[in-house]
N, C-alpha and C. Protein backbone atom coordinates (compact mmCIF):
# COMPACT_ATOMS: atom_id res chain seq x y z
N UNK A 1 68.60 123.85 95.59
CA UNK A 1 68.44 122.53 95.02
C UNK A 1 69.65 122.21 94.14
N UNK A 2 70.14 120.99 94.23
CA UNK A 2 71.32 120.58 93.47
C UNK A 2 70.97 120.33 92.02
N UNK A 3 71.96 120.51 91.18
CA UNK A 3 71.79 120.27 89.75
C UNK A 3 71.78 118.76 89.46
N UNK A 4 71.45 118.41 88.22
CA UNK A 4 71.57 117.03 87.77
C UNK A 4 73.04 116.74 87.50
N UNK A 5 73.46 115.46 87.61
CA UNK A 5 74.86 115.12 87.34
C UNK A 5 75.28 115.53 85.92
N UNK A 6 76.47 116.10 85.83
CA UNK A 6 77.03 116.53 84.56
C UNK A 6 78.44 115.96 84.43
N UNK A 7 78.93 115.78 83.20
CA UNK A 7 80.33 115.36 83.02
C UNK A 7 81.26 116.43 83.60
N UNK A 8 82.33 115.99 84.23
CA UNK A 8 83.29 116.93 84.81
C UNK A 8 83.99 117.72 83.72
N UNK A 9 84.21 118.98 83.98
CA UNK A 9 84.90 119.88 83.07
C UNK A 9 86.35 120.04 83.52
N UNK A 10 87.14 120.73 82.71
CA UNK A 10 88.53 121.03 83.10
C UNK A 10 88.55 121.84 84.39
N UNK A 11 87.59 122.74 84.55
CA UNK A 11 87.52 123.55 85.78
C UNK A 11 87.28 122.66 87.00
N UNK A 12 86.36 121.71 86.89
CA UNK A 12 86.07 120.80 88.00
C UNK A 12 87.31 119.97 88.33
N UNK A 13 88.02 119.49 87.30
CA UNK A 13 89.26 118.74 87.54
C UNK A 13 90.26 119.61 88.28
N UNK A 14 90.36 120.88 87.91
CA UNK A 14 91.32 121.77 88.57
C UNK A 14 90.93 121.98 90.04
N UNK A 15 89.65 122.03 90.35
CA UNK A 15 89.21 122.16 91.75
C UNK A 15 89.64 120.92 92.53
N UNK A 16 89.47 119.75 91.92
CA UNK A 16 89.87 118.49 92.58
C UNK A 16 91.38 118.44 92.78
N UNK A 17 92.13 118.90 91.79
CA UNK A 17 93.59 118.94 91.91
C UNK A 17 94.02 119.87 93.05
N UNK A 18 93.26 120.94 93.25
CA UNK A 18 93.59 121.91 94.30
C UNK A 18 93.52 121.30 95.70
N UNK A 19 92.72 120.23 95.87
CA UNK A 19 92.58 119.60 97.19
C UNK A 19 93.19 118.19 97.23
N UNK A 20 93.90 117.80 96.17
CA UNK A 20 94.44 116.43 96.08
C UNK A 20 95.35 116.10 97.25
N UNK A 21 96.23 117.00 97.62
CA UNK A 21 97.16 116.73 98.73
C UNK A 21 96.39 116.45 100.02
N UNK A 22 95.33 117.21 100.25
CA UNK A 22 94.52 116.99 101.47
C UNK A 22 93.80 115.64 101.40
N UNK A 23 93.31 115.29 100.21
CA UNK A 23 92.65 113.98 100.03
C UNK A 23 93.65 112.86 100.32
N UNK A 24 94.85 112.97 99.78
CA UNK A 24 95.87 111.94 100.00
C UNK A 24 96.28 111.86 101.47
N UNK A 25 96.35 112.99 102.13
CA UNK A 25 96.66 112.99 103.56
C UNK A 25 95.54 112.33 104.36
N UNK A 26 94.30 112.64 104.01
CA UNK A 26 93.15 112.08 104.73
C UNK A 26 93.03 110.58 104.54
N UNK A 27 93.33 110.09 103.32
CA UNK A 27 93.18 108.66 103.04
C UNK A 27 94.44 107.87 103.32
N UNK A 28 95.58 108.56 103.44
CA UNK A 28 96.85 107.87 103.64
C UNK A 28 97.33 107.16 102.38
N UNK A 29 96.82 107.58 101.22
CA UNK A 29 97.17 106.94 99.94
C UNK A 29 97.59 107.98 98.93
N UNK A 30 98.60 107.62 98.11
CA UNK A 30 98.97 108.44 96.95
C UNK A 30 98.15 107.94 95.77
N UNK A 31 97.71 108.85 94.92
CA UNK A 31 96.85 108.47 93.80
C UNK A 31 97.48 108.86 92.47
N UNK A 32 97.89 107.83 91.70
CA UNK A 32 98.37 108.07 90.34
C UNK A 32 97.18 108.38 89.44
N UNK A 33 96.06 107.69 89.68
CA UNK A 33 94.81 107.96 88.96
C UNK A 33 93.98 108.84 89.87
N UNK A 34 93.54 109.98 89.35
CA UNK A 34 92.76 110.95 90.14
C UNK A 34 92.02 111.82 89.14
N UNK A 35 90.90 111.29 88.64
CA UNK A 35 90.20 111.91 87.53
C UNK A 35 88.75 112.21 87.90
N UNK A 36 88.39 113.48 87.85
CA UNK A 36 87.00 113.87 88.07
C UNK A 36 86.14 113.34 86.93
N UNK A 37 85.04 112.68 87.24
CA UNK A 37 84.17 112.08 86.23
C UNK A 37 82.86 112.83 86.05
N UNK A 38 82.13 113.02 87.15
CA UNK A 38 80.86 113.73 87.10
C UNK A 38 80.74 114.60 88.35
N UNK A 39 79.79 115.53 88.30
CA UNK A 39 79.59 116.39 89.46
C UNK A 39 78.16 116.93 89.47
N UNK A 40 77.76 117.37 90.66
CA UNK A 40 76.54 118.14 90.84
C UNK A 40 76.95 119.39 91.60
N UNK A 41 76.13 120.42 91.50
CA UNK A 41 76.46 121.66 92.19
C UNK A 41 75.21 122.28 92.79
N UNK A 42 75.44 123.12 93.78
CA UNK A 42 74.36 123.85 94.44
C UNK A 42 74.82 125.29 94.59
N UNK A 43 74.14 126.22 93.93
CA UNK A 43 74.55 127.62 94.01
C UNK A 43 74.18 128.23 95.36
N UNK A 44 74.84 129.30 95.68
CA UNK A 44 74.59 130.05 96.91
C UNK A 44 75.67 131.09 97.06
N UNK A 45 75.88 131.57 98.28
CA UNK A 45 76.97 132.52 98.51
C UNK A 45 78.29 131.93 98.06
N UNK A 46 78.45 130.64 98.32
CA UNK A 46 79.58 129.87 97.82
C UNK A 46 79.00 128.68 97.08
N UNK A 47 79.49 128.41 95.90
CA UNK A 47 79.01 127.25 95.15
C UNK A 47 79.55 125.99 95.82
N UNK A 48 78.67 125.02 96.02
CA UNK A 48 79.07 123.74 96.60
C UNK A 48 79.00 122.69 95.50
N UNK A 49 80.04 121.88 95.41
CA UNK A 49 80.12 120.82 94.41
C UNK A 49 80.27 119.48 95.10
N UNK A 50 79.65 118.44 94.54
CA UNK A 50 79.94 117.06 94.91
C UNK A 50 80.47 116.42 93.65
N UNK A 51 81.71 115.94 93.71
CA UNK A 51 82.40 115.45 92.53
C UNK A 51 82.75 113.98 92.70
N UNK A 52 82.45 113.17 91.69
CA UNK A 52 82.86 111.77 91.66
C UNK A 52 84.24 111.71 91.02
N UNK A 53 85.23 111.22 91.78
CA UNK A 53 86.62 111.16 91.31
C UNK A 53 87.06 109.70 91.24
N UNK A 54 87.53 109.29 90.06
CA UNK A 54 88.05 107.93 89.86
C UNK A 54 89.47 107.89 90.41
N UNK A 55 89.74 106.91 91.29
CA UNK A 55 91.07 106.81 91.91
C UNK A 55 91.73 105.47 91.60
N UNK A 56 91.27 104.79 90.53
CA UNK A 56 91.89 103.54 90.10
C UNK A 56 90.98 102.35 90.29
N UNK A 57 91.10 101.41 89.36
CA UNK A 57 90.28 100.20 89.42
C UNK A 57 88.81 100.54 89.42
N UNK A 58 88.06 99.91 90.34
CA UNK A 58 86.63 100.19 90.49
C UNK A 58 86.38 101.19 91.62
N UNK A 59 87.40 101.93 92.03
CA UNK A 59 87.31 102.78 93.21
C UNK A 59 87.09 104.25 92.84
N UNK A 60 86.19 104.85 93.59
CA UNK A 60 85.85 106.26 93.40
C UNK A 60 85.73 106.93 94.76
N UNK A 61 85.98 108.22 94.79
CA UNK A 61 85.72 109.05 95.95
C UNK A 61 84.65 110.05 95.57
N UNK A 62 83.90 110.48 96.54
CA UNK A 62 82.99 111.61 96.37
C UNK A 62 83.56 112.75 97.20
N UNK A 63 83.91 113.83 96.52
CA UNK A 63 84.49 115.00 97.19
C UNK A 63 83.45 116.11 97.25
N UNK A 64 83.21 116.62 98.44
CA UNK A 64 82.34 117.78 98.59
C UNK A 64 83.25 119.00 98.72
N UNK A 65 83.13 119.90 97.75
CA UNK A 65 84.00 121.06 97.64
C UNK A 65 83.19 122.33 97.67
N UNK A 66 83.83 123.40 98.09
CA UNK A 66 83.23 124.71 97.95
C UNK A 66 84.24 125.61 97.26
N UNK A 67 83.71 126.52 96.48
CA UNK A 67 84.56 127.48 95.79
C UNK A 67 84.02 128.86 96.09
N UNK A 68 84.87 129.67 96.65
CA UNK A 68 84.49 131.06 96.88
C UNK A 68 85.37 131.91 95.97
N UNK A 69 84.83 133.04 95.56
CA UNK A 69 85.62 133.87 94.65
C UNK A 69 85.67 135.30 95.16
N UNK A 70 86.76 135.93 94.85
CA UNK A 70 86.95 137.35 95.14
C UNK A 70 87.57 137.94 93.88
N UNK A 71 86.74 138.56 93.09
CA UNK A 71 87.22 139.07 91.80
C UNK A 71 87.51 137.92 90.88
N UNK A 72 88.69 137.88 90.30
CA UNK A 72 89.05 136.82 89.38
C UNK A 72 89.77 135.66 90.08
N UNK A 73 89.99 135.77 91.39
CA UNK A 73 90.63 134.70 92.16
C UNK A 73 89.58 133.83 92.83
N UNK A 74 89.92 132.57 93.05
CA UNK A 74 89.00 131.71 93.78
C UNK A 74 89.78 130.81 94.73
N UNK A 75 89.08 130.35 95.75
CA UNK A 75 89.66 129.44 96.72
C UNK A 75 88.77 128.21 96.81
N UNK A 76 89.38 127.04 96.69
CA UNK A 76 88.65 125.77 96.76
C UNK A 76 88.96 125.12 98.10
N UNK A 77 87.92 124.64 98.78
CA UNK A 77 88.10 123.94 100.05
C UNK A 77 87.41 122.59 99.99
N UNK A 78 88.05 121.60 100.58
CA UNK A 78 87.46 120.28 100.73
C UNK A 78 86.61 120.28 101.99
N UNK A 79 85.30 120.07 101.83
CA UNK A 79 84.39 120.05 102.98
C UNK A 79 84.25 118.65 103.55
N UNK A 80 84.19 117.64 102.65
CA UNK A 80 84.10 116.26 103.12
C UNK A 80 84.58 115.32 102.02
N UNK A 81 84.88 114.11 102.43
CA UNK A 81 85.42 113.08 101.54
C UNK A 81 84.74 111.76 101.86
N UNK A 82 84.19 111.11 100.84
CA UNK A 82 83.58 109.80 101.01
C UNK A 82 84.38 108.81 100.19
N UNK A 83 84.92 107.78 100.83
CA UNK A 83 85.70 106.75 100.14
C UNK A 83 84.84 105.51 99.95
N UNK A 84 85.38 104.53 99.23
CA UNK A 84 84.66 103.26 99.04
C UNK A 84 83.47 103.37 98.11
N UNK A 85 83.47 104.34 97.23
CA UNK A 85 82.37 104.53 96.29
C UNK A 85 82.64 103.78 95.00
N UNK A 86 81.57 103.53 94.26
CA UNK A 86 81.65 102.85 92.97
C UNK A 86 81.08 103.76 91.89
N UNK A 87 81.27 103.39 90.64
CA UNK A 87 80.85 104.20 89.51
C UNK A 87 79.36 104.54 89.58
N UNK A 88 78.52 103.59 89.94
CA UNK A 88 77.07 103.79 89.92
C UNK A 88 76.51 104.41 91.20
N UNK A 89 77.34 104.67 92.20
CA UNK A 89 76.84 105.30 93.43
C UNK A 89 76.43 106.74 93.11
N UNK A 90 75.22 107.14 93.49
CA UNK A 90 74.74 108.49 93.16
C UNK A 90 75.46 109.56 94.00
N UNK A 91 75.61 110.71 93.39
CA UNK A 91 76.14 111.88 94.09
C UNK A 91 74.99 112.56 94.83
N UNK A 92 75.22 112.90 96.10
CA UNK A 92 74.18 113.57 96.88
C UNK A 92 74.82 114.70 97.69
N UNK A 93 74.18 115.85 97.65
CA UNK A 93 74.63 116.98 98.48
C UNK A 93 73.80 117.05 99.73
């Protein structure tokens, strides 16, 4: 079961930064504004996150990410990207 929405932390922002190039490639847009705002997570073998990212104006993306860890290292992968979102659109895993 997914958690309730929480304010994005520095760690969540760093996960989003790790996939920014792939997001820009997928959307065909460069983003000067790219700020994680809120997120939900679902624990498991790999933690899955759905993150609301502000990309300027009234525009937001929902990024579905997974983070796997091996010791103190981790790898973040972009699982899916939803564009055309707004501030009040709910995050859903």
